[in-house]
């Protein structure tokens, strides 16, 4: 099992920290000494997860704060709260997401739910938190993608699935490809501007969490049966499945713009290793276009939150 290095003095934000990989990441970061903000949509569930972690680690420094990544106003309120605290943010883990709602649903801002929750919300959060991140000595952003990113396409002519027939699986794949691009483009921007920030991506393989059934249940009384929900594919527990994300977030050996996931068959289970990035996330023009389009859609721009390189260096 991957052992998280000493995190004493580290201030971290973990989204989706009430369950699954987010809760496990928060637990292990706090156990290693980090002060962790558990960013959750439902505060009561976050408090229950916090109590569970504290029962195991009484000295854990955990705080629950509300964020709804499907609501840009909520993202702004959360980020403003972190900035107002005045503490440098050492680590942001973009973990939260939804998976495969059976019908096309939308966010509070009218975006297709998966693209909005899984990508545009985390994008806006990351950019809004840049002032706190860049105040830290060696800040890091770890973003959770998925093996399904390999099958995704960024459809610039229909990002919100308004023209095509909605596909839950292809929509999810597009959103997770976008997350992988987010991690890579942030790493490129950081290097170009001379920031100390390291941006890295991870994927959990097939990890048993409530993500599959919760997403499939949206709009249904019962989740739709699939290879993911009936147990045909090899799967692993949340402790193992969180390790690529924790490695990306904390390992001194994790590289900027790197991508980490399980090393087993089909990348579904196994120990953490560097994994190949799909060619669809390696197109510099596509990546820059998606970033620009995300700034336009969310109204959240790097230029509004971070001074230029010369000013930052000063």
Foldseek 3Di string as FASTA:
>chain_A
DDQFAQQAPAEEEFEPCLWFLNVLLLLRNQQSHYQYEYEYADQVSVVVSVVVSCVVVVNGRYHYDYAQQLDLVRLLVVLVVVVVVVAAHAEYEADDFAAQAPAFDHGPLGAGRRLRRLALSVLLNVLSNVVSPLVDPAHEYEYEAALLLLVEDCDVVCLRCPPPHDDRSRNNNNNRVNRLLSQQVVLVVCVVLVGNYAGEYEYQALEDICRQFVNQCVVHPGGDDDCNRPPPDDYYYSNQSSVRRSCRGGPPPRHGSWYKAAPDDVRRGHHIDTDDDHVSSVDPVVSVVSSVVSCVSSVRDNVVNDPGSVVSVD
